[in-house]
PDB file of N, CA and C in Angstrom:
ATOM      1  N   MET A   1      -1.800  20.841  -6.522  1.00  0.00           N
ATOM      2  CA  MET A   1      -0.654  20.033  -6.861  1.00  0.00           C
ATOM      3  C   MET A   1      -0.893  19.400  -8.227  1.00  0.00           C
ATOM      4  N   ASP A   2       0.128  19.387  -9.053  1.00  0.00           N
ATOM      5  CA  ASP A   2       0.097  18.785 -10.380  1.00  0.00           C
ATOM      6  C   ASP A   2      -0.013  17.269 -10.248  1.00  0.00           C
ATOM      7  N   GLU A   3      -0.758  16.635 -11.147  1.00  0.00           N
ATOM      8  CA  GLU A   3      -0.908  15.175 -11.083  1.00  0.00           C
ATOM      9  C   GLU A   3       0.381  14.441 -11.430  1.00  0.00           C
ATOM     10  N   ASN A   4       1.361  15.132 -11.997  1.00  0.00           N
ATOM     11  CA  ASN A   4       2.644  14.530 -12.329  1.00  0.00           C
ATOM     12  C   ASN A   4       3.696  14.843 -11.272  1.00  0.00           C
ATOM     13  N   THR A   5       3.298  14.779 -10.014  1.00  0.00           N
ATOM     14  CA  THR A   5       4.178  15.099  -8.899  1.00  0.00           C
ATOM     15  C   THR A   5       4.362  13.882  -8.008  1.00  0.00           C
ATOM     16  N   LEU A   6       5.612  13.608  -7.668  1.00  0.00           N
ATOM     17  CA  LEU A   6       5.915  12.568  -6.690  1.00  0.00           C
ATOM     18  C   LEU A   6       6.002  13.237  -5.329  1.00  0.00           C
ATOM     19  N   LEU A   7       5.336  12.664  -4.344  1.00  0.00           N
ATOM     20  CA  LEU A   7       5.361  13.215  -2.992  1.00  0.00           C
ATOM     21  C   LEU A   7       6.331  12.423  -2.132  1.00  0.00           C
ATOM     22  N   PHE A   8       7.228  13.125  -1.471  1.00  0.00           N
ATOM     23  CA  PHE A   8       8.156  12.531  -0.527  1.00  0.00           C
ATOM     24  C   PHE A   8       7.805  13.047   0.859  1.00  0.00           C
ATOM     25  N   ALA A   9       8.436  12.522   1.879  1.00  0.00           N
ATOM     26  CA  ALA A   9       8.121  12.916   3.253  1.00  0.00           C
ATOM     27  C   ALA A   9       8.267  14.417   3.466  1.00  0.00           C
ATOM     28  N   ASP A  10       9.290  15.008   2.865  1.00  0.00           N
ATOM     29  CA  ASP A  10       9.551  16.423   3.123  1.00  0.00           C
ATOM     30  C   ASP A  10       9.622  17.283   1.865  1.00  0.00           C
ATOM     31  N   SER A  11       9.226  16.732   0.714  1.00  0.00           N
ATOM     32  CA  SER A  11       9.322  17.513  -0.515  1.00  0.00           C
ATOM     33  C   SER A  11       8.421  16.940  -1.604  1.00  0.00           C
ATOM     34  N   GLN A  12       8.375  17.662  -2.710  1.00  0.00           N
ATOM     35  CA  GLN A  12       7.645  17.234  -3.895  1.00  0.00           C
ATOM     36  C   GLN A  12       8.595  17.290  -5.082  1.00  0.00           C
ATOM     37  N   PHE A  13       8.338  16.453  -6.082  1.00  0.00           N
ATOM     38  CA  PHE A  13       9.167  16.443  -7.280  1.00  0.00           C
ATOM     39  C   PHE A  13       8.257  16.311  -8.488  1.00  0.00           C
ATOM     40  N   ASN A  14       8.303  17.283  -9.371  1.00  0.00           N
ATOM     41  CA  ASN A  14       7.528  17.215 -10.598  1.00  0.00           C
ATOM     42  C   ASN A  14       8.315  16.375 -11.594  1.00  0.00           C
ATOM     43  N   ILE A  15       7.699  15.333 -12.127  1.00  0.00           N
ATOM     44  CA  ILE A  15       8.442  14.423 -13.000  1.00  0.00           C
ATOM     45  C   ILE A  15       8.881  15.087 -14.298  1.00  0.00           C
ATOM     46  N   ARG A  16       8.303  16.215 -14.637  1.00  0.00           N
ATOM     47  CA  ARG A  16       8.772  16.937 -15.828  1.00  0.00           C
ATOM     48  C   ARG A  16      10.204  17.433 -15.643  1.00  0.00           C
ATOM     49  N   ASP A  17      10.664  17.503 -14.393  1.00  0.00           N
ATOM     50  CA  ASP A  17      12.028  17.930 -14.106  1.00  0.00           C
ATOM     51  C   ASP A  17      13.021  16.773 -14.142  1.00  0.00           C
ATOM     52  N   ALA A  18      12.582  15.587 -14.523  1.00  0.00           N
ATOM     53  CA  ALA A  18      13.451  14.407 -14.513  1.00  0.00           C
ATOM     54  C   ALA A  18      14.662  14.574 -15.419  1.00  0.00           C
ATOM     55  N   ALA A  19      14.515  15.291 -16.511  1.00  0.00           N
ATOM     56  CA  ALA A  19      15.634  15.488 -17.430  1.00  0.00           C
ATOM     57  C   ALA A  19      16.806  16.189 -16.754  1.00  0.00           C
ATOM     58  N   LEU A  20      16.530  16.897 -15.676  1.00  0.00           N
ATOM     59  CA  LEU A  20      17.579  17.629 -14.964  1.00  0.00           C
ATOM     60  C   LEU A  20      18.363  16.747 -13.999  1.00  0.00           C
ATOM     61  N   LEU A  21      17.943  15.501 -13.829  1.00  0.00           N
ATOM     62  CA  LEU A  21      18.573  14.621 -12.844  1.00  0.00           C
ATOM     63  C   LEU A  21      19.879  13.997 -13.319  1.00  0.00           C
ATOM     64  N   GLY A  22      20.164  14.017 -14.599  1.00  0.00           N
ATOM     65  CA  GLY A  22      21.391  13.414 -15.104  1.00  0.00           C
ATOM     66  C   GLY A  22      21.414  11.909 -14.909  1.00  0.00           C
ATOM     67  N   LEU A  23      20.441  11.218 -15.464  1.00  0.00           N
ATOM     68  CA  LEU A  23      20.297   9.776 -15.250  1.00  0.00           C
ATOM     69  C   LEU A  23      21.047   8.926 -16.274  1.00  0.00           C
ATOM     70  N   GLN A  24      21.890   9.520 -17.093  1.00  0.00           N
ATOM     71  CA  GLN A  24      22.552   8.785 -18.164  1.00  0.00           C
ATOM     72  C   GLN A  24      23.387   7.603 -17.675  1.00  0.00           C
ATOM     73  N   ASN A  25      23.907   7.642 -16.482  1.00  0.00           N
ATOM     74  CA  ASN A  25      24.702   6.533 -15.945  1.00  0.00           C
ATOM     75  C   ASN A  25      23.901   5.620 -15.026  1.00  0.00           C
ATOM     76  N   THR A  26      22.582   5.782 -15.010  1.00  0.00           N
ATOM     77  CA  THR A  26      21.714   4.964 -14.163  1.00  0.00           C
ATOM     78  C   THR A  26      21.350   3.691 -14.909  1.00  0.00           C
ATOM     79  N   ARG A  27      21.816   2.545 -14.397  1.00  0.00           N
ATOM     80  CA  ARG A  27      21.538   1.265 -15.064  1.00  0.00           C
ATOM     81  C   ARG A  27      20.131   0.780 -14.799  1.00  0.00           C
ATOM     82  N   LEU A  28      19.588   1.068 -13.609  1.00  0.00           N
ATOM     83  CA  LEU A  28      18.243   0.622 -13.264  1.00  0.00           C
ATOM     84  C   LEU A  28      17.626   1.600 -12.276  1.00  0.00           C
ATOM     85  N   LEU A  29      16.426   2.036 -12.590  1.00  0.00           N
ATOM     86  CA  LEU A  29      15.651   2.872 -11.686  1.00  0.00           C
ATOM     87  C   LEU A  29      14.382   2.085 -11.375  1.00  0.00           C
ATOM     88  N   THR A  30      14.145   1.791 -10.109  1.00  0.00           N
ATOM     89  CA  THR A  30      12.993   0.986  -9.708  1.00  0.00           C
ATOM     90  C   THR A  30      11.928   1.873  -9.088  1.00  0.00           C
ATOM     91  N   LEU A  31      10.735   1.772  -9.645  1.00  0.00           N
ATOM     92  CA  LEU A  31       9.575   2.506  -9.142  1.00  0.00           C
ATOM     93  C   LEU A  31       8.589   1.467  -8.633  1.00  0.00           C
ATOM     94  N   SER A  32       8.644   1.175  -7.350  1.00  0.00           N
ATOM     95  CA  SER A  32       7.837   0.075  -6.811  1.00  0.00           C
ATOM     96  C   SER A  32       6.489   0.530  -6.270  1.00  0.00           C
ATOM     97  N   ALA A  33       6.065   1.716  -6.647  1.00  0.00           N
ATOM     98  CA  ALA A  33       4.752   2.216  -6.224  1.00  0.00           C
ATOM     99  C   ALA A  33       3.678   1.801  -7.229  1.00  0.00           C
ATOM    100  N   CYS A  34       2.464   2.202  -6.973  1.00  0.00           N
ATOM    101  CA  CYS A  34       1.318   1.820  -7.811  1.00  0.00           C
ATOM    102  C   CYS A  34       1.305   2.532  -9.154  1.00  0.00           C
ATOM    103  N   GLN A  35       1.044   1.798 -10.193  1.00  0.00           N
ATOM    104  CA  GLN A  35       0.770   2.309 -11.538  1.00  0.00           C
ATOM    105  C   GLN A  35       1.850   3.227 -12.091  1.00  0.00           C
ATOM    106  N   THR A  36       3.106   2.941 -11.820  1.00  0.00           N
ATOM    107  CA  THR A  36       4.179   3.805 -12.284  1.00  0.00           C
ATOM    108  C   THR A  36       4.505   3.602 -13.756  1.00  0.00           C
ATOM    109  N   ALA A  37       3.990   2.536 -14.371  1.00  0.00           N
ATOM    110  CA  ALA A  37       4.203   2.321 -15.801  1.00  0.00           C
ATOM    111  C   ALA A  37       3.019   2.787 -16.636  1.00  0.00           C
ATOM    112  N   MET A  38       1.955   3.185 -15.977  1.00  0.00           N
ATOM    113  CA  MET A  38       0.759   3.618 -16.705  1.00  0.00           C
ATOM    114  C   MET A  38       0.997   4.969 -17.361  1.00  0.00           C
ATOM    115  N   GLN A  39       0.456   5.108 -18.560  1.00  0.00           N
ATOM    116  CA  GLN A  39       0.543   6.376 -19.265  1.00  0.00           C
ATOM    117  C   GLN A  39      -0.819   7.038 -19.247  1.00  0.00           C
ATOM    118  N   ALA A  40      -0.810   8.331 -19.107  1.00  0.00           N
ATOM    119  CA  ALA A  40      -2.068   9.078 -19.068  1.00  0.00           C
ATOM    120  C   ALA A  40      -2.029  10.197 -20.094  1.00  0.00           C
ATOM    121  N   ASN A  41      -3.116  10.372 -20.775  1.00  0.00           N
ATOM    122  CA  ASN A  41      -3.261  11.476 -21.706  1.00  0.00           C
ATOM    123  C   ASN A  41      -4.052  12.543 -20.970  1.00  0.00           C
ATOM    124  N   SER A  42      -3.337  13.437 -20.307  1.00  0.00           N
ATOM    125  CA  SER A  42      -3.984  14.359 -19.378  1.00  0.00           C
ATOM    126  C   SER A  42      -4.743  15.497 -20.051  1.00  0.00           C
ATOM    127  N   ASN A  43      -4.239  15.991 -21.151  1.00  0.00           N
ATOM    128  CA  ASN A  43      -4.896  17.147 -21.761  1.00  0.00           C
ATOM    129  C   ASN A  43      -5.050  17.013 -23.270  1.00  0.00           C
ATOM    130  N   GLY A  44      -4.837  15.829 -23.802  1.00  0.00           N
ATOM    131  CA  GLY A  44      -4.958  15.619 -25.229  1.00  0.00           C
ATOM    132  C   GLY A  44      -3.729  16.013 -26.016  1.00  0.00           C
ATOM    133  N   GLU A  45      -2.751  16.588 -25.370  1.00  0.00           N
ATOM    134  CA  GLU A  45      -1.555  17.039 -26.062  1.00  0.00           C
ATOM    135  C   GLU A  45      -0.352  16.141 -25.819  1.00  0.00           C
ATOM    136  N   GLU A  46      -0.325  15.434 -24.706  1.00  0.00           N
ATOM    137  CA  GLU A  46       0.846  14.621 -24.399  1.00  0.00           C
ATOM    138  C   GLU A  46       0.429  13.358 -23.669  1.00  0.00           C
ATOM    139  N   ILE A  47       1.202  12.328 -23.895  1.00  0.00           N
ATOM    140  CA  ILE A  47       1.011  11.094 -23.153  1.00  0.00           C
ATOM    141  C   ILE A  47       2.274  10.897 -22.335  1.00  0.00           C
ATOM    142  N   SER A  48       2.114  10.775 -21.035  1.00  0.00           N
ATOM    143  CA  SER A  48       3.288  10.616 -20.187  1.00  0.00           C
ATOM    144  C   SER A  48       3.000   9.623 -19.081  1.00  0.00           C
ATOM    145  N   GLY A  49       4.025   9.010 -18.612  1.00  0.00           N
ATOM    146  CA  GLY A  49       3.956   8.120 -17.474  1.00  0.00           C
ATOM    147  C   GLY A  49       5.261   8.264 -16.725  1.00  0.00           C
ATOM    148  N   VAL A  50       5.234   8.051 -15.452  1.00  0.00           N
ATOM    149  CA  VAL A  50       6.426   8.256 -14.631  1.00  0.00           C
ATOM    150  C   VAL A  50       7.602   7.445 -15.162  1.00  0.00           C
ATOM    151  N   ALA A  51       7.393   6.161 -15.425  1.00  0.00           N
ATOM    152  CA  ALA A  51       8.489   5.296 -15.872  1.00  0.00           C
ATOM    153  C   ALA A  51       9.082   5.776 -17.190  1.00  0.00           C
ATOM    154  N   TYR A  52       8.235   6.139 -18.122  1.00  0.00           N
ATOM    155  CA  TYR A  52       8.711   6.554 -19.434  1.00  0.00           C
ATOM    156  C   TYR A  52       9.435   7.891 -19.380  1.00  0.00           C
ATOM    157  N   VAL A  53       9.026   8.761 -18.484  1.00  0.00           N
ATOM    158  CA  VAL A  53       9.716  10.036 -18.311  1.00  0.00           C
ATOM    159  C   VAL A  53      11.139   9.788 -17.825  1.00  0.00           C
ATOM    160  N   PHE A  54      11.306   8.897 -16.849  1.00  0.00           N
ATOM    161  CA  PHE A  54      12.645   8.603 -16.336  1.00  0.00           C
ATOM    162  C   PHE A  54      13.500   7.889 -17.381  1.00  0.00           C
ATOM    163  N   GLU A  55      12.892   7.052 -18.205  1.00  0.00           N
ATOM    164  CA  GLU A  55      13.661   6.411 -19.278  1.00  0.00           C
ATOM    165  C   GLU A  55      14.129   7.461 -20.283  1.00  0.00           C
ATOM    166  N   ARG A  56      13.256   8.351 -20.668  1.00  0.00           N
ATOM    167  CA  ARG A  56      13.642   9.418 -21.601  1.00  0.00           C
ATOM    168  C   ARG A  56      14.676  10.351 -20.982  1.00  0.00           C
ATOM    169  N   ALA A  57      14.715  10.412 -19.656  1.00  0.00           N
ATOM    170  CA  ALA A  57      15.695  11.256 -18.970  1.00  0.00           C
ATOM    171  C   ALA A  57      17.071  10.600 -18.912  1.00  0.00           C
ATOM    172  N   GLY A  58      17.175   9.358 -19.411  1.00  0.00           N
ATOM    173  CA  GLY A  58      18.482   8.730 -19.507  1.00  0.00           C
ATOM    174  C   GLY A  58      18.663   7.427 -18.774  1.00  0.00           C
ATOM    175  N   ALA A  59      17.740   7.045 -17.896  1.00  0.00           N
ATOM    176  CA  ALA A  59      17.886   5.758 -17.197  1.00  0.00           C
ATOM    177  C   ALA A  59      17.876   4.637 -18.233  1.00  0.00           C
ATOM    178  N   ARG A  60      18.834   3.741 -18.152  1.00  0.00           N
ATOM    179  CA  ARG A  60      18.928   2.656 -19.134  1.00  0.00           C
ATOM    180  C   ARG A  60      17.788   1.664 -19.010  1.00  0.00           C
ATOM    181  N   ALA A  61      17.296   1.458 -17.798  1.00  0.00           N
ATOM    182  CA  ALA A  61      16.161   0.561 -17.569  1.00  0.00           C
ATOM    183  C   ALA A  61      15.352   1.093 -16.398  1.00  0.00           C
ATOM    184  N   VAL A  62      14.050   0.871 -16.485  1.00  0.00           N
ATOM    185  CA  VAL A  62      13.137   1.277 -15.416  1.00  0.00           C
ATOM    186  C   VAL A  62      12.214   0.103 -15.130  1.00  0.00           C
ATOM    187  N   MET A  63      12.120  -0.287 -13.863  1.00  0.00           N
ATOM    188  CA  MET A  63      11.140  -1.289 -13.461  1.00  0.00           C
ATOM    189  C   MET A  63       9.974  -0.534 -12.839  1.00  0.00           C
ATOM    190  N   ALA A  64       8.764  -0.852 -13.322  1.00  0.00           N
ATOM    191  CA  ALA A  64       7.580  -0.118 -12.880  1.00  0.00           C
ATOM    192  C   ALA A  64       6.373  -1.048 -12.877  1.00  0.00           C
ATOM    193  N   SER A  65       5.276  -0.562 -12.309  1.00  0.00           N
ATOM    194  CA  SER A  65       4.073  -1.391 -12.176  1.00  0.00           C
ATOM    195  C   SER A  65       2.950  -0.893 -13.078  1.00  0.00           C
ATOM    196  N   LEU A  66       2.130  -1.842 -13.516  1.00  0.00           N
ATOM    197  CA  LEU A  66       1.019  -1.538 -14.414  1.00  0.00           C
ATOM    198  C   LEU A  66      -0.278  -1.235 -13.684  1.00  0.00           C
ATOM    199  N   TRP A  67      -0.379  -1.628 -12.420  1.00  0.00           N
ATOM    200  CA  TRP A  67      -1.588  -1.350 -11.645  1.00  0.00           C
ATOM    201  C   TRP A  67      -1.238  -1.236 -10.170  1.00  0.00           C
ATOM    202  N   SER A  68      -2.244  -0.975  -9.360  1.00  0.00           N
ATOM    203  CA  SER A  68      -2.031  -0.871  -7.914  1.00  0.00           C
ATOM    204  C   SER A  68      -1.429  -2.166  -7.399  1.00  0.00           C
ATOM    205  N   VAL A  69      -0.534  -2.035  -6.441  1.00  0.00           N
ATOM    206  CA  VAL A  69       0.186  -3.205  -5.943  1.00  0.00           C
ATOM    207  C   VAL A  69      -0.045  -3.390  -4.448  1.00  0.00           C
ATOM    208  N   ASP A  70       0.093  -4.623  -4.013  1.00  0.00           N
ATOM    209  CA  ASP A  70       0.015  -4.974  -2.602  1.00  0.00           C
ATOM    210  C   ASP A  70       1.393  -4.742  -1.981  1.00  0.00           C
ATOM    211  N   ASP A  71       1.455  -4.000  -0.880  1.00  0.00           N
ATOM    212  CA  ASP A  71       2.742  -3.646  -0.270  1.00  0.00           C
ATOM    213  C   ASP A  71       3.568  -4.860   0.122  1.00  0.00           C
ATOM    214  N   ALA A  72       2.965  -5.823   0.795  1.00  0.00           N
ATOM    215  CA  ALA A  72       3.714  -6.995   1.269  1.00  0.00           C
ATOM    216  C   ALA A  72       4.221  -7.829   0.098  1.00  0.00           C
ATOM    217  N   ALA A  73       3.381  -8.055  -0.895  1.00  0.00           N
ATOM    218  CA  ALA A  73       3.790  -8.843  -2.061  1.00  0.00           C
ATOM    219  C   ALA A  73       4.886  -8.123  -2.842  1.00  0.00           C
ATOM    220  N   THR A  74       4.781  -6.797  -2.930  1.00  0.00           N
ATOM    221  CA  THR A  74       5.796  -6.017  -3.632  1.00  0.00           C
ATOM    222  C   THR A  74       7.124  -6.092  -2.904  1.00  0.00           C
ATOM    223  N   LYS A  75       7.096  -6.007  -1.583  1.00  0.00           N
ATOM    224  CA  LYS A  75       8.335  -6.135  -0.808  1.00  0.00           C
ATOM    225  C   LYS A  75       8.991  -7.479  -1.086  1.00  0.00           C
ATOM    226  N   ASP A  76       8.211  -8.549  -1.048  1.00  0.00           N
ATOM    227  CA  ASP A  76       8.756  -9.885  -1.299  1.00  0.00           C
ATOM    228  C   ASP A  76       9.366  -9.979  -2.694  1.00  0.00           C
ATOM    229  N   LEU A  77       8.660  -9.443  -3.688  1.00  0.00           N
ATOM    230  CA  LEU A  77       9.152  -9.498  -5.057  1.00  0.00           C
ATOM    231  C   LEU A  77      10.436  -8.691  -5.204  1.00  0.00           C
ATOM    232  N   MET A  78      10.490  -7.505  -4.606  1.00  0.00           N
ATOM    233  CA  MET A  78      11.677  -6.652  -4.707  1.00  0.00           C
ATOM    234  C   MET A  78      12.883  -7.283  -4.007  1.00  0.00           C
ATOM    235  N   VAL A  79      12.657  -7.871  -2.849  1.00  0.00           N
ATOM    236  CA  VAL A  79      13.758  -8.544  -2.145  1.00  0.00           C
ATOM    237  C   VAL A  79      14.318  -9.657  -3.018  1.00  0.00           C
ATOM    238  N   GLN A  80      13.441 -10.474  -3.581  1.00  0.00           N
ATOM    239  CA  GLN A  80      13.886 -11.578  -4.439  1.00  0.00           C
ATOM    240  C   GLN A  80      14.584 -11.045  -5.691  1.00  0.00           C
ATOM    241  N   PHE A  81      14.034 -10.004  -6.288  1.00  0.00           N
ATOM    242  CA  PHE A  81      14.633  -9.401  -7.483  1.00  0.00           C
ATOM    243  C   PHE A  81      16.069  -8.959  -7.206  1.00  0.00           C
ATOM    244  N   TYR A  82      16.276  -8.211  -6.123  1.00  0.00           N
ATOM    245  CA  TYR A  82      17.618  -7.705  -5.840  1.00  0.00           C
ATOM    246  C   TYR A  82      18.568  -8.805  -5.370  1.00  0.00           C
ATOM    247  N   GLN A  83      18.065  -9.834  -4.737  1.00  0.00           N
ATOM    248  CA  GLN A  83      18.912 -10.993  -4.433  1.00  0.00           C
ATOM    249  C   GLN A  83      19.387 -11.635  -5.733  1.00  0.00           C
ATOM    250  N   ASN A  84      18.491 -11.740  -6.699  1.00  0.00           N
ATOM    251  CA  ASN A  84      18.853 -12.303  -7.999  1.00  0.00           C
ATOM    252  C   ASN A  84      19.868 -11.427  -8.730  1.00  0.00           C
ATOM    253  N   ILE A  85      19.687 -10.121  -8.669  1.00  0.00           N
ATOM    254  CA  ILE A  85      20.652  -9.190  -9.277  1.00  0.00           C
ATOM    255  C   ILE A  85      22.023  -9.389  -8.640  1.00  0.00           C
ATOM    256  N   ASN A  86      22.055  -9.507  -7.313  1.00  0.00           N
ATOM    257  CA  ASN A  86      23.325  -9.690  -6.603  1.00  0.00           C
ATOM    258  C   ASN A  86      23.989 -11.018  -6.921  1.00  0.00           C
ATOM    259  N   LYS A  87      23.224 -11.982  -7.427  1.00  0.00           N
ATOM    260  CA  LYS A  87      23.781 -13.266  -7.870  1.00  0.00           C
ATOM    261  C   LYS A  87      24.347 -13.181  -9.284  1.00  0.00           C
ATOM    262  N   GLY A  88      24.196 -12.025  -9.921  1.00  0.00           N
ATOM    263  CA  GLY A  88      24.742 -11.831 -11.258  1.00  0.00           C
ATOM    264  C   GLY A  88      23.752 -12.026 -12.398  1.00  0.00           C
ATOM    265  N   MET A  89      22.486 -12.211 -12.086  1.00  0.00           N
ATOM    266  CA  MET A  89      21.479 -12.366 -13.141  1.00  0.00           C
ATOM    267  C   MET A  89      21.264 -11.036 -13.860  1.00  0.00           C
ATOM    268  N   SER A  90      20.844 -11.124 -15.113  1.00  0.00           N
ATOM    269  CA  SER A  90      20.428  -9.919 -15.833  1.00  0.00           C
ATOM    270  C   SER A  90      19.159  -9.382 -15.175  1.00  0.00           C
ATOM    271  N   LYS A  91      18.853  -8.140 -15.441  1.00  0.00           N
ATOM    272  CA  LYS A  91      17.634  -7.551 -14.874  1.00  0.00           C
ATOM    273  C   LYS A  91      16.397  -8.336 -15.308  1.00  0.00           C
ATOM    274  N   ASN A  92      16.355  -8.701 -16.585  1.00  0.00           N
ATOM    275  CA  ASN A  92      15.218  -9.440 -17.114  1.00  0.00           C
ATOM    276  C   ASN A  92      15.060 -10.799 -16.424  1.00  0.00           C
ATOM    277  N   ASP A  93      16.160 -11.549 -16.308  1.00  0.00           N
ATOM    278  CA  ASP A  93      16.101 -12.863 -15.649  1.00  0.00           C
ATOM    279  C   ASP A  93      15.798 -12.726 -14.161  1.00  0.00           C
ATOM    280  N   ALA A  94      16.351 -11.701 -13.534  1.00  0.00           N
ATOM    281  CA  ALA A  94      16.100 -11.491 -12.102  1.00  0.00           C
ATOM    282  C   ALA A  94      14.621 -11.227 -11.840  1.00  0.00           C
ATOM    283  N   LEU A  95      13.994 -10.425 -12.695  1.00  0.00           N
ATOM    284  CA  LEU A  95      12.565 -10.151 -12.532  1.00  0.00           C
ATOM    285  C   LEU A  95      11.747 -11.404 -12.820  1.00  0.00           C
ATOM    286  N   ARG A  96      12.113 -12.119 -13.865  1.00  0.00           N
ATOM    287  CA  ARG A  96      11.392 -13.359 -14.198  1.00  0.00           C
ATOM    288  C   ARG A  96      11.454 -14.350 -13.042  1.00  0.00           C
ATOM    289  N   GLN A  97      12.629 -14.553 -12.480  1.00  0.00           N
ATOM    290  CA  GLN A  97      12.784 -15.499 -11.372  1.00  0.00           C
ATOM    291  C   GLN A  97      12.052 -15.020 -10.121  1.00  0.00           C
ATOM    292  N   ALA A  98      12.060 -13.712  -9.883  1.00  0.00           N
ATOM    293  CA  ALA A  98      11.327 -13.172  -8.729  1.00  0.00           C
ATOM    294  C   ALA A  98       9.835 -13.431  -8.893  1.00  0.00           C
ATOM    295  N   LYS A  99       9.329 -13.259 -10.101  1.00  0.00           N
ATOM    296  CA  LYS A  99       7.914 -13.549 -10.361  1.00  0.00           C
ATOM    297  C   LYS A  99       7.628 -15.036 -10.193  1.00  0.00           C
ATOM    298  N   LEU A 100       8.517 -15.878 -10.707  1.00  0.00           N
ATOM    299  CA  LEU A 100       8.322 -17.325 -10.571  1.00  0.00           C
ATOM    300  C   LEU A 100       8.328 -17.767  -9.113  1.00  0.00           C
ATOM    301  N   SER A 101       9.071 -17.055  -8.268  1.00  0.00           N
ATOM    302  CA  SER A 101       9.109 -17.419  -6.847  1.00  0.00           C
ATOM    303  C   SER A 101       7.762 -17.174  -6.169  1.00  0.00           C
ATOM    304  N   GLN A 102       6.906 -16.376  -6.809  1.00  0.00           N
ATOM    305  CA  GLN A 102       5.585 -16.074  -6.254  1.00  0.00           C
ATOM    306  C   GLN A 102       4.457 -16.647  -7.112  1.00  0.00           C
ATOM    307  N   ILE A 103       4.784 -17.555  -8.015  1.00  0.00           N
ATOM    308  CA  ILE A 103       3.816 -18.036  -9.000  1.00  0.00           C
ATOM    309  C   ILE A 103       2.596 -18.705  -8.370  1.00  0.00           C
ATOM    310  N   SER A 104       2.724 -19.214  -7.162  1.00  0.00           N
ATOM    311  CA  SER A 104       1.582 -19.872  -6.515  1.00  0.00           C
ATOM    312  C   SER A 104       0.535 -18.863  -6.032  1.00  0.00           C
ATOM    313  N   ARG A 105       0.910 -17.599  -5.973  1.00  0.00           N
ATOM    314  CA  ARG A 105      -0.036 -16.556  -5.580  1.00  0.00           C
ATOM    315  C   ARG A 105      -0.846 -16.118  -6.797  1.00  0.00           C
ATOM    316  N   HIS A 106      -1.920 -15.423  -6.570  1.00  0.00           N
ATOM    317  CA  HIS A 106      -2.729 -14.869  -7.654  1.00  0.00           C
ATOM    318  C   HIS A 106      -1.867 -13.901  -8.481  1.00  0.00           C
ATOM    319  N   PRO A 107      -2.022 -13.877  -9.817  1.00  0.00           N
ATOM    320  CA  PRO A 107      -1.214 -12.984 -10.660  1.00  0.00           C
ATOM    321  C   PRO A 107      -1.282 -11.506 -10.274  1.00  0.00           C
ATOM    322  N   PHE A 108      -2.351 -11.089  -9.616  1.00  0.00           N
ATOM    323  CA  PHE A 108      -2.436  -9.702  -9.155  1.00  0.00           C
ATOM    324  C   PHE A 108      -1.199  -9.317  -8.350  1.00  0.00           C
ATOM    325  N   TYR A 109      -0.657 -10.260  -7.594  1.00  0.00           N
ATOM    326  CA  TYR A 109       0.440  -9.962  -6.676  1.00  0.00           C
ATOM    327  C   TYR A 109       1.812  -9.940  -7.339  1.00  0.00           C
ATOM    328  N   TRP A 110       2.034 -10.738  -8.365  1.00  0.00           N
ATOM    329  CA  TRP A 110       3.380 -10.844  -8.923  1.00  0.00           C
ATOM    330  C   TRP A 110       3.520 -10.322 -10.345  1.00  0.00           C
ATOM    331  N   SER A 111       2.419 -10.111 -11.042  1.00  0.00           N
ATOM    332  CA  SER A 111       2.558  -9.758 -12.458  1.00  0.00           C
ATOM    333  C   SER A 111       2.511  -8.274 -12.820  1.00  0.00           C
ATOM    334  N   PRO A 112       2.285  -7.341 -11.911  1.00  0.00           N
ATOM    335  CA  PRO A 112       2.182  -5.950 -12.363  1.00  0.00           C
ATOM    336  C   PRO A 112       3.506  -5.324 -12.796  1.00  0.00           C
ATOM    337  N   PHE A 113       4.629  -5.902 -12.405  1.00  0.00           N
ATOM    338  CA  PHE A 113       5.905  -5.248 -12.676  1.00  0.00           C
ATOM    339  C   PHE A 113       6.460  -5.617 -14.041  1.00  0.00           C
ATOM    340  N   ILE A 114       6.927  -4.579 -14.744  1.00  0.00           N
ATOM    341  CA  ILE A 114       7.541  -4.752 -16.053  1.00  0.00           C
ATOM    342  C   ILE A 114       8.881  -4.033 -16.059  1.00  0.00           C
ATOM    343  N   LEU A 115       9.708  -4.434 -16.995  1.00  0.00           N
ATOM    344  CA  LEU A 115      11.007  -3.806 -17.181  1.00  0.00           C
ATOM    345  C   LEU A 115      10.969  -3.065 -18.513  1.00  0.00           C
ATOM    346  N   ILE A 116      11.284  -1.798 -18.483  1.00  0.00           N
ATOM    347  CA  ILE A 116      11.299  -0.960 -19.677  1.00  0.00           C
ATOM    348  C   ILE A 116      12.752  -0.606 -19.958  1.00  0.00           C
ATOM    349  N   GLY A 117      13.203  -0.832 -21.180  1.00  0.00           N
ATOM    350  CA  GLY A 117      14.573  -0.476 -21.530  1.00  0.00           C
ATOM    351  C   GLY A 117      15.487  -1.679 -21.598  1.00  0.00           C
ATOM    352  N   ASP A 118      16.737  -1.488 -21.235  1.00  0.00           N
ATOM    353  CA  ASP A 118      17.791  -2.495 -21.362  1.00  0.00           C
ATOM    354  C   ASP A 118      17.579  -3.654 -20.392  1.00  0.00           C
ATOM    355  N   PRO A 119      17.343  -4.882 -20.904  1.00  0.00           N
ATOM    356  CA  PRO A 119      17.072  -6.019 -20.028  1.00  0.00           C
ATOM    357  C   PRO A 119      18.323  -6.663 -19.426  1.00  0.00           C
ATOM    358  N   ARG A 120      19.513  -6.237 -19.869  1.00  0.00           N
ATOM    359  CA  ARG A 120      20.747  -6.893 -19.403  1.00  0.00           C
ATOM    360  C   ARG A 120      21.121  -6.505 -17.997  1.00  0.00           C
TER     361      ARG A 120
END
């Protein structure tokens, strides 16, 4: 299996095929798994990361993580983030407020997520 493959319950998806997804009308694509914003130089010829591939494929914004994440903390952050979005906050403000809601926890739990692309 290629290292640039996303595994689903019943299928696989090579992220190099992301350009075929037609993401131009996608305002936000959330990748809440581990290290989805990390870039890897796999063979010395290209630098790629899951989040950046989806952004180049047309997604206006991608939320992704910089390191391995805790499942429970990520769930809490995502719930708060989407509640904030539903209140009309911009993506950037919604993520900031979701992080602030967990500020009493160690930064490992709330700080891995970043927003790439359009913050509105």
